[in-house]
C-alpha atoms as a PDB file:
ATOM      1  CA  MET A   1     -11.957   7.443  -2.400  1.00  0.00           C
ATOM      2  CA  LEU A   2     -15.461   6.988  -0.346  1.00  0.00           C
ATOM      3  CA  GLY A   3     -14.448   3.440  -0.025  1.00  0.00           C
ATOM      4  CA  LEU A   4     -11.414   3.910   0.924  1.00  0.00           C
ATOM      5  CA  GLY A   5     -12.539   6.332   4.323  1.00  0.00           C
ATOM      6  CA  CYS A   6     -14.941   3.984   4.825  1.00  0.00           C
ATOM      7  CA  THR A   7     -12.107   1.783   5.947  1.00  0.00           C
ATOM      8  CA  VAL A   8     -10.406   3.899   8.489  1.00  0.00           C
ATOM      9  CA  ASP A   9     -11.903   3.159  11.952  1.00  0.00           C
ATOM     10  CA  VAL A  10     -11.618   6.268  14.385  1.00  0.00           C
ATOM     11  CA  SER A  11     -11.084   4.039  17.414  1.00  0.00           C
ATOM     12  CA  GLN A  12      -7.726   2.601  15.869  1.00  0.00           C
ATOM     13  CA  LEU A  13      -6.681   5.873  14.970  1.00  0.00           C
ATOM     14  CA  GLY A  14      -4.891   6.341  18.428  1.00  0.00           C
ATOM     15  CA  GLU A  15      -2.834   3.239  18.309  1.00  0.00           C
ATOM     16  CA  HIS A  16      -1.423   4.581  14.707  1.00  0.00           C
ATOM     17  CA  ILE A  17      -0.388   7.526  16.119  1.00  0.00           C
ATOM     18  CA  ARG A  18       1.645   6.400  19.136  1.00  0.00           C
ATOM     19  CA  ARG A  19       3.293   3.945  16.658  1.00  0.00           C
ATOM     20  CA  PRO A  20       3.159   4.977  13.948  1.00  0.00           C
ATOM     21  CA  ILE A  21       5.167   2.357  11.692  1.00  0.00           C
ATOM     22  CA  GLY A  22       2.346   2.887   8.685  1.00  0.00           C
ATOM     23  CA  VAL A  23       3.127   6.103   8.381  1.00  0.00           C
ATOM     24  CA  LEU A  24       6.896   5.901   8.253  1.00  0.00           C
ATOM     25  CA  LEU A  25       6.525   3.082   5.821  1.00  0.00           C
ATOM     26  CA  ALA A  26       3.853   5.193   3.423  1.00  0.00           C
ATOM     27  CA  LEU A  27       6.276   8.045   4.058  1.00  0.00           C
ATOM     28  CA  VAL A  28       9.547   6.283   2.454  1.00  0.00           C
ATOM     29  CA  CYS A  29       7.696   3.485   0.212  1.00  0.00           C
ATOM     30  CA  GLN A  30       5.169   6.414  -1.755  1.00  0.00           C
ATOM     31  CA  PHE A  31       7.853   9.510  -1.890  1.00  0.00           C
ATOM     32  CA  VAL A  32      11.219   7.924  -1.290  1.00  0.00           C
ATOM     33  CA  ILE A  33      11.272   4.477  -3.831  1.00  0.00           C
ATOM     34  CA  MET A  34       8.885   4.794  -5.838  1.00  0.00           C
ATOM     35  CA  PRO A  35       9.668   8.465  -7.320  1.00  0.00           C
ATOM     36  CA  LEU A  36      13.066   7.513  -7.301  1.00  0.00           C
ATOM     37  CA  VAL A  37      12.452   4.291  -9.333  1.00  0.00           C
ATOM     38  CA  ALA A  38      10.242   6.122 -11.344  1.00  0.00           C
ATOM     39  CA  PHE A  39      13.293   8.925 -11.926  1.00  0.00           C
ATOM     40  CA  LEU A  40      15.901   6.136 -12.235  1.00  0.00           C
ATOM     41  CA  LEU A  41      13.975   4.184 -15.380  1.00  0.00           C
ATOM     42  CA  ALA A  42      13.090   7.478 -16.659  1.00  0.00           C
ATOM     43  CA  LEU A  43      17.185   8.486 -17.200  1.00  0.00           C
ATOM     44  CA  ALA A  44      18.318   4.894 -18.116  1.00  0.00           C
ATOM     45  CA  PHE A  45      16.052   4.401 -21.107  1.00  0.00           C
ATOM     46  CA  SER A  46      16.254   7.962 -22.216  1.00  0.00           C
ATOM     47  CA  LEU A  47      12.536   8.943 -22.119  1.00  0.00           C
ATOM     48  CA  ASP A  48      11.545  12.420 -24.030  1.00  0.00           C
ATOM     49  CA  ASP A  49      10.488  14.692 -21.643  1.00  0.00           C
ATOM     50  CA  VAL A  50       6.672  14.162 -22.018  1.00  0.00           C
ATOM     51  CA  ALA A  51       7.106  10.593 -21.582  1.00  0.00           C
ATOM     52  CA  ALA A  52       9.660  11.418 -18.252  1.00  0.00           C
ATOM     53  CA  MET A  53       6.758  13.682 -16.952  1.00  0.00           C
ATOM     54  CA  ALA A  54       3.987  11.175 -17.027  1.00  0.00           C
ATOM     55  CA  VAL A  55       6.094   8.407 -15.069  1.00  0.00           C
ATOM     56  CA  LEU A  56       7.428  10.753 -12.741  1.00  0.00           C
ATOM     57  CA  LEU A  57       3.946  11.646 -12.034  1.00  0.00           C
ATOM     58  CA  CYS A  58       2.629   8.096 -11.633  1.00  0.00           C
ATOM     59  CA  GLY A  59       5.595   7.432  -9.506  1.00  0.00           C
ATOM     60  CA  CYS A  60       4.972  10.283  -7.313  1.00  0.00           C
ATOM     61  CA  CYS A  61       1.490   9.419  -6.572  1.00  0.00           C
ATOM     62  CA  PRO A  62       0.240   8.016  -3.171  1.00  0.00           C
ATOM     63  CA  GLY A  63      -0.734   4.333  -2.729  1.00  0.00           C
ATOM     64  CA  GLY A  64      -4.268   2.963  -4.625  1.00  0.00           C
ATOM     65  CA  ASN A  65      -7.193   0.789  -3.558  1.00  0.00           C
ATOM     66  CA  LEU A  66      -5.856  -2.040  -5.447  1.00  0.00           C
ATOM     67  CA  SER A  67      -3.395  -2.394  -2.628  1.00  0.00           C
ATOM     68  CA  ASN A  68      -6.312  -3.531  -0.107  1.00  0.00           C
ATOM     69  CA  ILE A  69      -7.514  -6.464  -2.301  1.00  0.00           C
ATOM     70  CA  MET A  70      -4.075  -7.718  -2.936  1.00  0.00           C
ATOM     71  CA  SER A  71      -3.160  -7.752   0.592  1.00  0.00           C
ATOM     72  CA  LEU A  72      -6.126  -9.522   1.140  1.00  0.00           C
ATOM     73  CA  LEU A  73      -5.773 -12.319  -0.987  1.00  0.00           C
ATOM     74  CA  VAL A  74      -2.343 -12.724   0.195  1.00  0.00           C
ATOM     75  CA  ASN A  75      -3.038 -12.820   4.144  1.00  0.00           C
ATOM     76  CA  GLY A  76      -1.230  -9.661   4.737  1.00  0.00           C
ATOM     77  CA  GLU A  77      -1.729  -7.447   7.668  1.00  0.00           C
ATOM     78  CA  MET A  78      -4.819  -5.226   6.536  1.00  0.00           C
ATOM     79  CA  ASN A  79      -4.386  -2.713   9.270  1.00  0.00           C
ATOM     80  CA  LEU A  80      -1.539  -1.832   7.854  1.00  0.00           C
ATOM     81  CA  SER A  81      -2.207  -1.415   4.288  1.00  0.00           C
ATOM     82  CA  ILE A  82      -5.211   0.713   5.226  1.00  0.00           C
ATOM     83  CA  ILE A  83      -3.321   3.170   6.890  1.00  0.00           C
ATOM     84  CA  MET A  84      -0.572   2.935   4.553  1.00  0.00           C
ATOM     85  CA  THR A  85      -2.934   3.831   2.165  1.00  0.00           C
ATOM     86  CA  ILE A  86      -4.488   6.781   3.635  1.00  0.00           C
ATOM     87  CA  SER A  87      -1.360   8.248   5.384  1.00  0.00           C
ATOM     88  CA  SER A  88       0.280   8.221   1.687  1.00  0.00           C
ATOM     89  CA  THR A  89      -3.015  10.221   0.370  1.00  0.00           C
ATOM     90  CA  VAL A  90      -2.569  12.613   2.892  1.00  0.00           C
ATOM     91  CA  LEU A  91       0.757  13.234   2.775  1.00  0.00           C
ATOM     92  CA  ALA A  92       0.826  13.227  -1.015  1.00  0.00           C
ATOM     93  CA  LEU A  93      -0.813  17.312  -0.613  1.00  0.00           C
ATOM     94  CA  VAL A  94       2.601  18.117   0.133  1.00  0.00           C
ATOM     95  CA  LEU A  95       4.805  15.751  -1.090  1.00  0.00           C
ATOM     96  CA  MET A  96       3.432  14.953  -4.530  1.00  0.00           C
ATOM     97  CA  PRO A  97       4.260  18.479  -5.777  1.00  0.00           C
ATOM     98  CA  LEU A  98       7.592  18.121  -3.937  1.00  0.00           C
ATOM     99  CA  CYS A  99       8.873  14.932  -5.637  1.00  0.00           C
ATOM    100  CA  LEU A 100       7.845  16.235  -9.106  1.00  0.00           C
ATOM    101  CA  TRP A 101       9.592  19.646  -8.356  1.00  0.00           C
ATOM    102  CA  ILE A 102      13.001  18.126  -7.354  1.00  0.00           C
ATOM    103  CA  TYR A 103      12.854  14.931 -10.120  1.00  0.00           C
ATOM    104  CA  SER A 104      11.905  17.391 -12.846  1.00  0.00           C
ATOM    105  CA  ARG A 105      15.019  19.415 -12.800  1.00  0.00           C
ATOM    106  CA  ALA A 106      16.694  17.142 -14.954  1.00  0.00           C
ATOM    107  CA  TRP A 107      14.114  18.358 -17.702  1.00  0.00           C
ATOM    108  CA  ILE A 108      14.379  21.718 -16.535  1.00  0.00           C
ATOM    109  CA  ASN A 109      14.349  23.627 -19.978  1.00  0.00           C
ATOM    110  CA  THR A 110      11.142  21.964 -21.438  1.00  0.00           C
ATOM    111  CA  PRO A 111       8.167  22.995 -22.421  1.00  0.00           C
ATOM    112  CA  VAL A 112       5.777  20.357 -19.964  1.00  0.00           C
ATOM    113  CA  VAL A 113       8.114  21.498 -17.166  1.00  0.00           C
ATOM    114  CA  ASN A 114       7.716  25.094 -18.105  1.00  0.00           C
ATOM    115  CA  LEU A 115       4.275  24.669 -17.756  1.00  0.00           C
ATOM    116  CA  MET A 116       3.872  22.506 -14.569  1.00  0.00           C
ATOM    117  CA  PRO A 117       0.476  23.030 -13.376  1.00  0.00           C
ATOM    118  CA  PHE A 118       1.926  22.779  -9.236  1.00  0.00           C
ATOM    119  CA  GLY A 119      -1.899  24.815  -8.482  1.00  0.00           C
ATOM    120  CA  ALA A 120      -4.104  21.998 -10.222  1.00  0.00           C
ATOM    121  CA  ILE A 121      -2.145  19.115  -8.918  1.00  0.00           C
ATOM    122  CA  ILE A 122      -2.644  20.440  -5.628  1.00  0.00           C
ATOM    123  CA  LEU A 123      -5.908  21.118  -5.877  1.00  0.00           C
ATOM    124  CA  THR A 124      -7.159  17.899  -7.474  1.00  0.00           C
ATOM    125  CA  LEU A 125      -5.230  16.282  -4.586  1.00  0.00           C
ATOM    126  CA  CYS A 126      -7.063  18.327  -2.097  1.00  0.00           C
ATOM    127  CA  SER A 127     -10.936  17.399  -3.801  1.00  0.00           C
ATOM    128  CA  THR A 128      -9.840  13.535  -3.013  1.00  0.00           C
ATOM    129  CA  LEU A 129     -10.196  14.564   1.324  1.00  0.00           C
ATOM    130  CA  ILE A 130     -13.733  15.179   0.817  1.00  0.00           C
ATOM    131  CA  PRO A 131     -15.008  11.898  -0.154  1.00  0.00           C
ATOM    132  CA  ILE A 132     -12.283  10.689   2.230  1.00  0.00           C
ATOM    133  CA  GLY A 133     -13.980  12.383   4.873  1.00  0.00           C
ATOM    134  CA  LEU A 134     -17.095  11.619   4.142  1.00  0.00           C
ATOM    135  CA  GLY A 135     -16.146   7.979   4.234  1.00  0.00           C
ATOM    136  CA  VAL A 136     -14.929   8.149   8.116  1.00  0.00           C
ATOM    137  CA  VAL A 137     -18.190   9.860   9.004  1.00  0.00           C
ATOM    138  CA  LEU A 138     -20.259   6.944   7.490  1.00  0.00           C
ATOM    139  CA  ARG A 139     -17.623   4.454   9.212  1.00  0.00           C
ATOM    140  CA  TYR A 140     -18.135   6.205  12.354  1.00  0.00           C
ATOM    141  CA  ARG A 141     -21.845   6.809  12.605  1.00  0.00           C
ATOM    142  CA  TYR A 142     -23.486   3.796   9.985  1.00  0.00           C
ATOM    143  CA  ASN A 143     -21.392   0.852  10.158  1.00  0.00           C
ATOM    144  CA  ARG A 144     -23.468  -1.314   8.348  1.00  0.00           C
ATOM    145  CA  ALA A 145     -23.946   0.957   5.459  1.00  0.00           C
ATOM    146  CA  ALA A 146     -19.782   1.941   5.231  1.00  0.00           C
ATOM    147  CA  ASP A 147     -19.449  -2.135   4.629  1.00  0.00           C
ATOM    148  CA  ILE A 148     -21.749  -1.937   1.680  1.00  0.00           C
ATOM    149  CA  VAL A 149     -20.520   1.559   0.693  1.00  0.00           C
ATOM    150  CA  LEU A 150     -16.886  -0.648   1.074  1.00  0.00           C
ATOM    151  CA  LYS A 151     -17.873  -3.443  -1.238  1.00  0.00           C
ATOM    152  CA  LEU A 152     -19.111  -1.190  -4.056  1.00  0.00           C
ATOM    153  CA  SER A 153     -15.958   0.778  -4.390  1.00  0.00           C
ATOM    154  CA  LEU A 154     -13.785  -2.155  -4.138  1.00  0.00           C
ATOM    155  CA  TRP A 155     -15.695  -3.987  -7.398  1.00  0.00           C
ATOM    156  CA  SER A 156     -16.387  -0.471  -8.913  1.00  0.00           C
ATOM    157  CA  LEU A 157     -12.903   0.097  -8.716  1.00  0.00           C
ATOM    158  CA  LEU A 158     -11.623  -3.422 -10.687  1.00  0.00           C
ATOM    159  CA  VAL A 159     -14.707  -2.814 -12.972  1.00  0.00           C
ATOM    160  CA  THR A 160     -13.958   0.477 -13.881  1.00  0.00           C
ATOM    161  CA  LEU A 161     -10.257   0.222 -14.672  1.00  0.00           C
ATOM    162  CA  VAL A 162     -10.851  -2.708 -16.909  1.00  0.00           C
ATOM    163  CA  MET A 163     -13.700  -0.603 -18.730  1.00  0.00           C
ATOM    164  CA  LEU A 164     -11.912   2.199 -18.712  1.00  0.00           C
ATOM    165  CA  PHE A 165      -8.061   0.435 -20.737  1.00  0.00           C
ATOM    166  CA  ILE A 166     -11.137  -1.237 -23.393  1.00  0.00           C
ATOM    167  CA  MET A 167     -12.632   1.939 -23.611  1.00  0.00           C
ATOM    168  CA  THR A 168     -10.038   4.124 -24.313  1.00  0.00           C
ATOM    169  CA  GLY A 169      -8.414   1.662 -26.396  1.00  0.00           C
ATOM    170  CA  ALA A 170     -11.010   1.036 -28.456  1.00  0.00           C
ATOM    171  CA  MET A 171     -12.089   4.607 -28.745  1.00  0.00           C
ATOM    172  CA  LEU A 172      -8.634   5.748 -29.815  1.00  0.00           C
ATOM    173  CA  GLY A 173      -7.573   2.616 -31.891  1.00  0.00           C
ATOM    174  CA  PRO A 174      -4.349   1.310 -31.674  1.00  0.00           C
ATOM    175  CA  GLU A 175      -2.817   3.974 -33.581  1.00  0.00           C
ATOM    176  CA  LEU A 176      -2.376   5.761 -30.384  1.00  0.00           C
ATOM    177  CA  LEU A 177      -1.099   3.018 -28.548  1.00  0.00           C
ATOM    178  CA  ALA A 178       1.335   2.673 -31.505  1.00  0.00           C
ATOM    179  CA  THR A 179       2.659   5.881 -30.762  1.00  0.00           C
ATOM    180  CA  ILE A 180       4.031   5.126 -27.146  1.00  0.00           C
ATOM    181  CA  PRO A 181       7.515   4.151 -27.624  1.00  0.00           C
ATOM    182  CA  PRO A 182       8.801   0.262 -26.366  1.00  0.00           C
ATOM    183  CA  SER A 183      10.666   1.973 -23.735  1.00  0.00           C
ATOM    184  CA  VAL A 184       7.365   3.507 -22.376  1.00  0.00           C
ATOM    185  CA  TYR A 185       6.231  -0.466 -22.062  1.00  0.00           C
ATOM    186  CA  VAL A 186       9.216  -2.175 -20.388  1.00  0.00           C
ATOM    187  CA  VAL A 187       9.511   0.961 -17.828  1.00  0.00           C
ATOM    188  CA  ALA A 188       5.523   0.094 -17.649  1.00  0.00           C
ATOM    189  CA  VAL A 189       6.439  -3.894 -16.678  1.00  0.00           C
ATOM    190  CA  LEU A 190       9.689  -2.593 -14.683  1.00  0.00           C
ATOM    191  CA  MET A 191       7.986  -0.094 -12.363  1.00  0.00           C
ATOM    192  CA  PRO A 192       5.315  -1.686 -10.674  1.00  0.00           C
ATOM    193  CA  ALA A 193       8.040  -5.124 -10.224  1.00  0.00           C
ATOM    194  CA  CYS A 194      10.897  -2.858  -8.895  1.00  0.00           C
ATOM    195  CA  GLY A 195       8.283  -1.175  -6.568  1.00  0.00           C
ATOM    196  CA  TYR A 196       7.267  -4.805  -4.889  1.00  0.00           C
ATOM    197  CA  ALA A 197      10.875  -5.667  -4.440  1.00  0.00           C
ATOM    198  CA  ALA A 198      12.264  -2.671  -3.254  1.00  0.00           C
ATOM    199  CA  GLY A 199       9.119  -2.194  -0.833  1.00  0.00           C
ATOM    200  CA  TYR A 200       9.712  -6.374   0.401  1.00  0.00           C
ATOM    201  CA  GLY A 201      13.462  -5.512   1.330  1.00  0.00           C
ATOM    202  CA  LEU A 202      12.172  -2.211   3.030  1.00  0.00           C
ATOM    203  CA  ALA A 203       9.858  -4.758   5.639  1.00  0.00           C
ATOM    204  CA  THR A 204      12.709  -7.117   5.948  1.00  0.00           C
ATOM    205  CA  LEU A 205      14.780  -3.863   7.112  1.00  0.00           C
ATOM    206  CA  PHE A 206      12.397  -3.283   9.659  1.00  0.00           C
ATOM    207  CA  ASP A 207      12.252  -7.077  10.475  1.00  0.00           C
ATOM    208  CA  LEU A 208       8.513  -6.874   9.797  1.00  0.00           C
ATOM    209  CA  PRO A 209       6.344  -9.954  10.086  1.00  0.00           C
ATOM    210  CA  PRO A 210       5.749 -12.767   6.486  1.00  0.00           C
ATOM    211  CA  ASN A 211       2.536 -11.054   6.409  1.00  0.00           C
ATOM    212  CA  SER A 212       3.747  -7.270   7.338  1.00  0.00           C
ATOM    213  CA  ARG A 213       6.904  -7.889   4.363  1.00  0.00           C
ATOM    214  CA  ARG A 214       3.889  -9.070   1.740  1.00  0.00           C
ATOM    215  CA  THR A 215       1.410  -5.974   2.489  1.00  0.00           C
ATOM    216  CA  VAL A 216       4.280  -3.514   2.597  1.00  0.00           C
ATOM    217  CA  SER A 217       5.556  -5.025  -0.450  1.00  0.00           C
ATOM    218  CA  LEU A 218       2.253  -4.807  -2.951  1.00  0.00           C
ATOM    219  CA  GLU A 219       1.606  -0.890  -1.094  1.00  0.00           C
ATOM    220  CA  THR A 220       4.759   0.223  -2.273  1.00  0.00           C
ATOM    221  CA  GLY A 221       4.272  -1.136  -5.945  1.00  0.00           C
ATOM    222  CA  CYS A 222       0.208  -0.299  -6.417  1.00  0.00           C
ATOM    223  CA  GLN A 223      -0.118   3.213  -7.764  1.00  0.00           C
ATOM    224  CA  ASN A 224      -3.336   5.276  -7.210  1.00  0.00           C
ATOM    225  CA  VAL A 225      -3.453   5.640 -11.186  1.00  0.00           C
ATOM    226  CA  GLN A 226      -7.103   6.422 -11.367  1.00  0.00           C
ATOM    227  CA  LEU A 227      -5.390  10.200  -9.427  1.00  0.00           C
ATOM    228  CA  CYS A 228      -2.826   9.978 -12.060  1.00  0.00           C
ATOM    229  CA  THR A 229      -5.069   9.763 -14.849  1.00  0.00           C
ATOM    230  CA  ALA A 230      -7.156  12.279 -13.527  1.00  0.00           C
ATOM    231  CA  ILE A 231      -4.079  14.839 -13.295  1.00  0.00           C
ATOM    232  CA  LEU A 232      -2.780  14.364 -16.702  1.00  0.00           C
ATOM    233  CA  LYS A 233      -6.605  15.260 -18.415  1.00  0.00           C
ATOM    234  CA  MET A 234      -7.162  18.045 -16.134  1.00  0.00           C
ATOM    235  CA  ALA A 235      -3.584  19.601 -15.639  1.00  0.00           C
ATOM    236  CA  PHE A 236      -2.099  19.284 -19.012  1.00  0.00           C
ATOM    237  CA  PRO A 237      -3.319  20.311 -22.247  1.00  0.00           C
ATOM    238  CA  PRO A 238      -3.830  17.243 -23.743  1.00  0.00           C
ATOM    239  CA  GLN A 239      -1.944  17.937 -27.564  1.00  0.00           C
ATOM    240  CA  LEU A 240       1.064  17.831 -25.085  1.00  0.00           C
ATOM    241  CA  MET A 241       0.745  14.777 -23.537  1.00  0.00           C
ATOM    242  CA  GLY A 242      -0.472  12.922 -26.492  1.00  0.00           C
ATOM    243  CA  GLY A 243      -0.591   9.294 -25.969  1.00  0.00           C
ATOM    244  CA  MET A 244       1.279   9.580 -22.969  1.00  0.00           C
ATOM    245  CA  TYR A 245      -2.338   9.522 -21.253  1.00  0.00           C
ATOM    246  CA  MET A 246      -2.173   5.977 -21.796  1.00  0.00           C
ATOM    247  CA  PHE A 247       0.713   5.671 -19.524  1.00  0.00           C
ATOM    248  CA  PRO A 248      -1.521   5.628 -16.156  1.00  0.00           C
ATOM    249  CA  LEU A 249      -3.096   3.060 -17.616  1.00  0.00           C
ATOM    250  CA  LEU A 250      -0.715   0.695 -18.975  1.00  0.00           C
ATOM    251  CA  TYR A 251       0.832   0.574 -15.263  1.00  0.00           C
ATOM    252  CA  ALA A 252      -2.681  -0.231 -14.182  1.00  0.00           C
ATOM    253  CA  LEU A 253      -2.608  -3.522 -16.589  1.00  0.00           C
ATOM    254  CA  PHE A 254       1.144  -4.289 -15.400  1.00  0.00           C
ATOM    255  CA  GLN A 255       0.983  -3.798 -11.655  1.00  0.00           C
ATOM    256  CA  ALA A 256      -2.202  -6.418 -11.495  1.00  0.00           C
ATOM    257  CA  ALA A 257      -1.193  -8.798 -13.451  1.00  0.00           C
ATOM    258  CA  GLU A 258       2.191  -8.611 -11.750  1.00  0.00           C
ATOM    259  CA  ALA A 259       0.410  -8.250  -8.329  1.00  0.00           C
ATOM    260  CA  GLY A 260      -1.322 -11.509  -9.703  1.00  0.00           C
ATOM    261  CA  ILE A 261       1.455 -13.648 -10.730  1.00  0.00           C
ATOM    262  CA  VAL A 262       2.531 -12.708  -6.941  1.00  0.00           C
ATOM    263  CA  ILE A 263      -0.508 -13.865  -5.261  1.00  0.00           C
ATOM    264  CA  LEU A 264      -0.480 -17.174  -7.213  1.00  0.00           C
ATOM    265  CA  ALA A 265       3.322 -18.002  -5.799  1.00  0.00           C
ATOM    266  CA  TYR A 266       2.408 -17.405  -2.412  1.00  0.00           C
ATOM    267  CA  ARG A 267      -0.789 -19.456  -2.719  1.00  0.00           C
ATOM    268  CA  MET A 268       1.209 -22.341  -4.498  1.00  0.00           C
ATOM    269  CA  TYR A 269       3.965 -21.975  -2.096  1.00  0.00           C
ATOM    270  CA  ARG A 270       1.651 -22.098   1.009  1.00  0.00           C
ATOM    271  CA  LYS A 271      -0.232 -25.251  -0.328  1.00  0.00           C
ATOM    272  CA  GLU A 272       3.012 -27.089  -1.797  1.00  0.00           C
ATOM    273  CA  VAL A 273       5.767 -25.945   0.442  1.00  0.00           C
ATOM    274  CA  LEU A 274       3.614 -25.185   3.640  1.00  0.00           C
ATOM    275  CA  HIS A 275       1.134 -27.682   3.441  1.00  0.00           C
ATOM    276  CA  LYS A 276      -1.040 -25.110   5.221  1.00  0.00           C
ATOM    277  CA  PRO A 277      -1.940 -21.899   5.853  1.00  0.00           C
ATOM    278  CA  ASP A 278       0.391 -19.224   6.711  1.00  0.00           C
ATOM    279  CA  THR A 279      -1.875 -17.201   8.842  1.00  0.00           C
ATOM    280  CA  ASN A 280       0.214 -18.667  11.908  1.00  0.00           C
ATOM    281  CA  SER A 281       3.292 -18.312  10.772  1.00  0.00           C
ATOM    282  CA  PRO A 282       5.897 -17.649  13.307  1.00  0.00           C
ATOM    283  CA  GLY A 283       6.286 -13.699  13.301  1.00  0.00           C
ATOM    284  CA  ASP A 284       2.573 -13.467  11.947  1.00  0.00           C
ATOM    285  CA  ASN A 285       0.518 -11.805  14.661  1.00  0.00           C
ATOM    286  CA  ARG A 286      -3.183 -13.161  13.124  1.00  0.00           C
ATOM    287  CA  GLY A 287      -3.170 -16.445  15.052  1.00  0.00           C
ATOM    288  CA  ILE A 288      -2.875 -17.509  18.423  1.00  0.00           C
ATOM    289  CA  GLY A 289      -0.381 -20.475  19.354  1.00  0.00           C
ATOM    290  CA  TYR A 290      -0.066 -22.400  22.815  1.00  0.00           C
ATOM    291  CA  ASP A 291       3.335 -24.336  23.694  1.00  0.00           C
ATOM    292  CA  ARG A 292       3.890 -26.644  26.075  1.00  0.00           C
ATOM    293  CA  PHE A 293       6.443 -26.064  28.706  1.00  0.00           C
ATOM    294  CA  GLU A 294       8.429 -28.014  30.955  1.00  0.00           C
ATOM    295  CA  ASP A 295       8.871 -27.140  34.368  1.00  0.00           C
ATOM    296  CA  GLU A 296      12.756 -26.750  34.298  1.00  0.00           C
ATOM    297  CA  ASP A 297      12.221 -24.674  31.257  1.00  0.00           C
ATOM    298  CA  MET A 298       9.697 -21.931  33.141  1.00  0.00           C
ATOM    299  CA  GLY A 299      12.182 -21.081  36.032  1.00  0.00           C
ATOM    300  CA  PHE A 300       9.237 -20.291  38.816  1.00  0.00           C
ATOM    301  CA  ASP A 301       9.815 -17.909  40.983  1.00  0.00           C
ATOM    302  CA  ASN A 302       9.039 -19.146  44.345  1.00  0.00           C
ATOM    303  CA  SER A 303       9.339 -15.817  46.219  1.00  0.00           C
ATOM    304  CA  TYR A 304       5.565 -15.527  46.858  1.00  0.00           C
ATOM    305  CA  GLY A 305       4.930 -18.840  48.428  1.00  0.00           C
ATOM    306  CA  ALA A 306       3.914 -22.189  47.955  1.00  0.00           C
ATOM    307  CA  VAL A 307       1.626 -24.791  46.761  1.00  0.00           C
ATOM    308  CA  THR A 308       1.305 -28.210  49.189  1.00  0.00           C
ATOM    309  CA  THR A 309      -1.457 -30.871  48.911  1.00  0.00           C
ATOM    310  CA  SER A 310      -0.409 -33.283  51.422  1.00  0.00           C
ATOM    311  CA  ASP A 311      -3.896 -34.307  51.420  1.00  0.00           C
ATOM    312  CA  PRO A 312      -5.781 -35.562  47.787  1.00  0.00           C
ATOM    313  CA  ASN A 313      -8.130 -32.786  49.066  1.00  0.00           C
ATOM    314  CA  LEU A 314      -6.630 -30.294  50.610  1.00  0.00           C
ATOM    315  CA  ILE A 315      -4.684 -27.655  49.388  1.00  0.00           C
ATOM    316  CA  MET A 316      -3.038 -25.065  51.394  1.00  0.00           C
ATOM    317  CA  LEU A 317      -1.281 -22.128  50.368  1.00  0.00           C
ATOM    318  CA  GLU A 318       1.805 -21.529  52.379  1.00  0.00           C
ATOM    319  CA  PRO A 319       3.717 -18.422  52.501  1.00  0.00           C
ATOM    320  CA  CYS A 320       7.456 -17.724  52.531  1.00  0.00           C
ATOM    321  CA  PRO A 321       8.466 -16.730  56.027  1.00  0.00           C
ATOM    322  CA  ASP A 322      10.408 -13.533  55.032  1.00  0.00           C
ATOM    323  CA  SER A 323       7.534 -12.366  52.752  1.00  0.00           C
ATOM    324  CA  THR A 324       6.781  -8.818  53.201  1.00  0.00           C
ATOM    325  CA  PRO A 325       3.183  -7.269  52.603  1.00  0.00           C
ATOM    326  CA  VAL A 326       2.237  -4.683  49.910  1.00  0.00           C
END
């Protein structure tokens, strides 16, 4: 969260306020598409109440920092990626508990829903604003230090995710993994894939350029699994959750693996089909191109005067007879 705050450029916040496309996409992707995907998958595979709440909680989480790394690897629109991650994290203070309350009605009479600790969830979400705020101040006051913190946070994110999964599996043993139903593993595979596909479809519907479509796709499928794990650990008794504590880690594993497949496919497509980097592709705003125009294509307006060159050493600007002073 500290590294996430360091990605915020205060000077660009005004532009995002005037054109809140990133905020709107974050709202739709993280709090409409992903909770609905989680809810439908839980119903489709007839998950029990505990497994369904773990899946719903993961689906209602905001976007994670991993999407920023993945967007960078597919030449995505980084400003859009950052504002979507930040916006979804702030919006989660209100919308995450609201989505959980709405979609948990299907399991209303179960113990896990009756014990749903909305206060603890909101408190955990509020605690994330402190390091984000510190990161914003650090970027505003100490730009070089913010760059260092950002790099450290991204590397620590990757390393700790791998270590957390390995250590949890090693300490709790295969017995815990065996208690997780196969349907939960299937949901953990399908959920990020559905998020990536739905995000790309939404970006296409908004008629965004190709690099922004890739960004929205990855932002939709990548969830903040660290926050989900923290909420499961702090808000629910371990004897109630059991093996479902592992679901965010399973989701993190499959979301990273599927994003890696997307990145590999994109790079192969760029190399084998395009034969060049696609950063200057049509609709992409990361490059500047120059086109040759013919005189007949431009339709010049000569109402402002004409340039004549009767002598090779003399150039004269002749005003129009009916020109009016401005």
